Structure formats: structure tokens, C-alpha cells
Amino acid sequence: MARLSDRAAGAVGSLGEYLAEQRRHAQLSLRQLSDLAGVSNPYLSQIERGLRKPSADVLQQLAKALRISAETLYVRAGILDPDDSSDGARPSGVVDAVLLDPALNERQKRVLLDVYASFVRENTSDDDAAGKPEPARPAAPKPAAKKTPATKRTK
């Protein structure tokens, strides 16, 4: 079985190729991506050509700029084992599918991902609550009947 460092060394070239592909798909120049990600243009070029292995921080900046999963980049760089994920579940391909869909513009992608994230959060909180009993809430007091002022009768 290959050690993680051996896999990482072999993955650097594929990471660079993947980043270049994602950059082209996002229709960004090397300079535009380097500006968005906050890394130097020559350094990004070296990463794409497989000459440099970026840190996890740089990968996170690149993922944010490309609007792709940082976890995907970590796996491709050999930092993260492909079978691992932060919550123990398999990562969803929904985010990547939305981000890679050429039929959607950036605003549509952002809105779709926001809606998707809200559904995931809602379902996660529902799952958490399903295992726990609902805390008892005191009954709300009934509103008092509204009294109308008495009117004087004139004879």
C-alpha cells in the first residue's frame, strides 16, 4: 500500500491539471485566478504545471476563487484520504455538479447553492432534533377578553 506522502507526490501533477481545467472551465485567465485567490501568478503557474505542492491554505483560497469544493482539492493533493470526509458521510456531488454546469450563470449557481445549503442545514437540524425529545414549553397565557368602555345612556 502506498504511503500518503507517495500518493501526494503522484497527485501533484494531477492536481495541477485539475486546477487548470477548472480555471479554464470558469473562463478565468491565470492572472485573474491568481488575483481572486490571493496567490502570485508565477506560483499558480508552477502549481498547474505540477512543479509546486500548495499548502492546504492555498488550496482553500483556490477552491473559494473557483467556487469548487476545497475537500476535492485536498483529496487530489493527497492531503485528505478520499474515503474520509469531515462528517463521516460521503461528500455530495451536488455542489460540484452545480458549479460545473455551463448552462448556469454565476448568479444562478450562487442562488442554487444557497437554497441547497439551507435544505441541508434544515434536514441536519431535523435529524438532530428527531433523536432528542422536544423540550416542554410553558403554555402561552390566553389573551384577556377585550373590554369595551361602558357608554352612558342619555334619557
Protein backbone atom coordinates (compact mmCIF):
# COMPACT_ATOMS: atom_id res chain seq x y z
CA MET A 1 0.00 0.00 0.00
CA ALA A 2 1.39 3.42 -0.93
CA ARG A 3 2.05 5.86 1.86
CA LEU A 4 0.13 9.12 1.90
CA SER A 5 3.27 11.10 1.01
CA ASP A 6 3.89 8.82 -2.01
CA ARG A 7 0.31 9.31 -3.16
CA ALA A 8 0.66 13.06 -2.62
CA ALA A 9 3.77 13.22 -4.77
CA GLY A 10 1.98 11.42 -7.60
CA ALA A 11 -1.14 13.54 -7.17
CA VAL A 12 0.55 16.93 -7.51
CA GLY A 13 0.63 16.72 -11.32
CA SER A 14 -3.00 15.65 -11.48
CA LEU A 15 -3.88 18.43 -9.03
CA GLY A 16 -2.28 20.99 -11.32
CA GLU A 17 -4.06 19.58 -14.36
CA TYR A 18 -7.35 19.61 -12.46
CA LEU A 19 -6.85 23.22 -11.34
CA ALA A 20 -6.01 24.30 -14.89
CA GLU A 21 -9.11 22.53 -16.16
CA GLN A 22 -11.31 24.18 -13.53
CA ARG A 23 -9.77 27.58 -14.28
CA ARG A 24 -10.46 27.20 -18.00
CA HIS A 25 -13.99 26.00 -17.27
CA ALA A 26 -14.57 29.12 -15.14
CA GLN A 27 -13.22 31.13 -18.09
CA LEU A 28 -10.53 32.74 -15.97
CA SER A 29 -7.02 33.60 -17.01
CA LEU A 30 -4.12 32.55 -14.84
CA ARG A 31 -3.71 36.16 -13.73
CA GLN A 32 -7.42 36.54 -12.89
CA LEU A 33 -7.41 33.41 -10.76
CA SER A 34 -4.22 34.41 -9.01
CA ASP A 35 -5.80 37.78 -8.15
CA LEU A 36 -9.03 36.18 -6.92
CA ALA A 37 -7.20 33.58 -4.83
CA GLY A 38 -4.56 35.95 -3.50
CA VAL A 39 -1.58 33.93 -4.75
CA SER A 40 1.14 35.06 -7.10
CA ASN A 41 0.79 34.43 -10.81
CA PRO A 42 4.14 32.54 -11.10
CA TYR A 43 3.30 30.36 -8.09
CA LEU A 44 -0.10 29.43 -9.55
CA SER A 45 1.56 28.62 -12.86
CA GLN A 46 4.03 26.32 -11.08
CA ILE A 47 1.15 24.58 -9.25
CA GLU A 48 -0.69 23.99 -12.52
CA ARG A 49 2.45 22.56 -14.12
CA GLY A 50 2.97 20.22 -11.17
CA LEU A 51 6.20 21.87 -10.01
CA ARG A 52 4.89 23.00 -6.63
CA LYS A 53 2.73 21.41 -3.97
CA PRO A 54 0.44 24.05 -2.45
CA SER A 55 -0.45 24.19 1.22
CA ALA A 56 -3.96 23.50 2.48
CA ASP A 57 -4.49 27.26 2.92
CA VAL A 58 -3.59 27.97 -0.71
CA LEU A 59 -5.85 25.13 -1.85
CA GLN A 60 -8.70 26.59 0.18
CA GLN A 61 -8.15 30.02 -1.39
CA LEU A 62 -8.11 28.47 -4.88
CA ALA A 63 -11.25 26.45 -4.17
CA LYS A 64 -13.06 29.56 -2.99
CA ALA A 65 -11.97 31.54 -6.05
CA LEU A 66 -13.03 28.71 -8.39
CA ARG A 67 -16.20 28.01 -6.37
CA ILE A 68 -15.36 24.32 -6.04
CA SER A 69 -15.04 22.04 -3.04
CA ALA A 70 -11.84 22.52 -1.05
CA GLU A 71 -12.20 18.90 0.04
CA THR A 72 -11.88 17.80 -3.61
CA LEU A 73 -8.62 19.72 -3.90
CA TYR A 74 -7.34 18.25 -0.61
CA VAL A 75 -8.01 14.74 -1.91
CA ARG A 76 -6.32 15.48 -5.24
CA ALA A 77 -3.32 16.94 -3.41
CA GLY A 78 -3.07 13.86 -1.19
CA ILE A 79 -3.76 15.85 1.98
CA LEU A 80 -7.04 14.07 2.64
CA ASP A 81 -7.87 10.40 2.15
CA PRO A 82 -10.64 10.01 -0.47
CA ASP A 83 -12.62 7.78 1.89
CA ASP A 84 -12.65 10.41 4.64
CA SER A 85 -14.93 13.39 4.92
CA SER A 86 -15.49 15.91 7.66
CA ASP A 87 -18.79 14.45 8.86
CA GLY A 88 -18.12 10.78 8.16
CA ALA A 89 -20.53 10.74 5.23
CA ARG A 90 -19.69 10.63 1.54
CA PRO A 91 -19.42 14.13 0.16
CA SER A 92 -22.26 15.22 -2.08
CA GLY A 93 -21.59 15.81 -5.74
CA VAL A 94 -24.43 18.33 -5.93
CA VAL A 95 -22.20 21.34 -5.28
CA ASP A 96 -19.64 20.27 -7.87
CA ALA A 97 -22.37 19.50 -10.39
CA VAL A 98 -23.94 22.94 -9.98
CA LEU A 99 -20.60 24.71 -10.14
CA LEU A 100 -19.53 22.83 -13.26
CA ASP A 101 -22.80 23.27 -15.16
CA PRO A 102 -22.07 25.56 -18.13
CA ALA A 103 -25.80 26.27 -18.63
CA LEU A 104 -25.95 28.30 -15.39
CA ASN A 105 -24.54 31.77 -14.86
CA GLU A 106 -22.70 32.72 -11.65
CA ARG A 107 -25.75 34.32 -10.03
CA GLN A 108 -27.89 31.24 -10.71
CA LYS A 109 -25.18 28.96 -9.30
CA ARG A 110 -24.91 31.08 -6.15
CA VAL A 111 -28.70 31.07 -5.60
CA LEU A 112 -28.98 27.33 -6.23
CA LEU A 113 -26.14 26.57 -3.81
CA ASP A 114 -27.65 28.86 -1.15
CA VAL A 115 -31.00 27.07 -1.42
CA TYR A 116 -29.30 23.66 -1.38
CA ALA A 117 -27.24 24.60 1.69
CA SER A 118 -30.36 25.80 3.52
CA PHE A 119 -32.11 22.48 2.79
CA VAL A 120 -29.10 20.53 4.05
CA ARG A 121 -28.96 22.62 7.24
CA GLU A 122 -32.70 22.22 7.76
CA ASN A 123 -32.53 18.45 7.32
CA THR A 124 -29.46 18.19 9.53
CA SER A 125 -31.22 20.07 12.32
CA ASP A 126 -34.35 17.94 11.78
CA ASP A 127 -32.25 14.77 12.07
CA ASP A 128 -30.63 16.07 15.26
CA ALA A 129 -34.00 17.01 16.73
CA ALA A 130 -35.58 13.65 15.79
CA GLY A 131 -33.34 11.83 18.24
CA LYS A 132 -33.99 14.25 21.09
CA PRO A 133 -37.29 14.85 22.85
CA GLU A 134 -38.78 18.29 22.34
CA PRO A 135 -38.28 20.41 25.46
CA ALA A 136 -41.52 21.19 27.27
CA ARG A 137 -42.73 24.70 26.69
CA PRO A 138 -45.00 26.51 29.09
CA ALA A 139 -48.44 27.18 27.70
CA ALA A 140 -48.85 30.70 26.46
CA PRO A 141 -51.30 32.71 28.52
CA LYS A 142 -54.63 33.25 26.86
CA PRO A 143 -55.22 36.83 25.85
CA ALA A 144 -57.70 38.60 28.07
CA ALA A 145 -61.04 39.45 26.53
CA LYS A 146 -61.07 43.00 25.34
CA LYS A 147 -63.41 45.13 27.39
CA THR A 148 -65.30 47.91 25.78
CA PRO A 149 -65.92 51.00 27.84
CA ALA A 150 -69.45 51.44 29.09
CA THR A 151 -71.38 54.21 27.47
CA LYS A 152 -73.71 56.48 29.34
CA ARG A 153 -77.32 56.33 28.40
CA THR A 154 -78.99 59.60 28.00
CA LYS A 155 -82.68 59.94 28.53
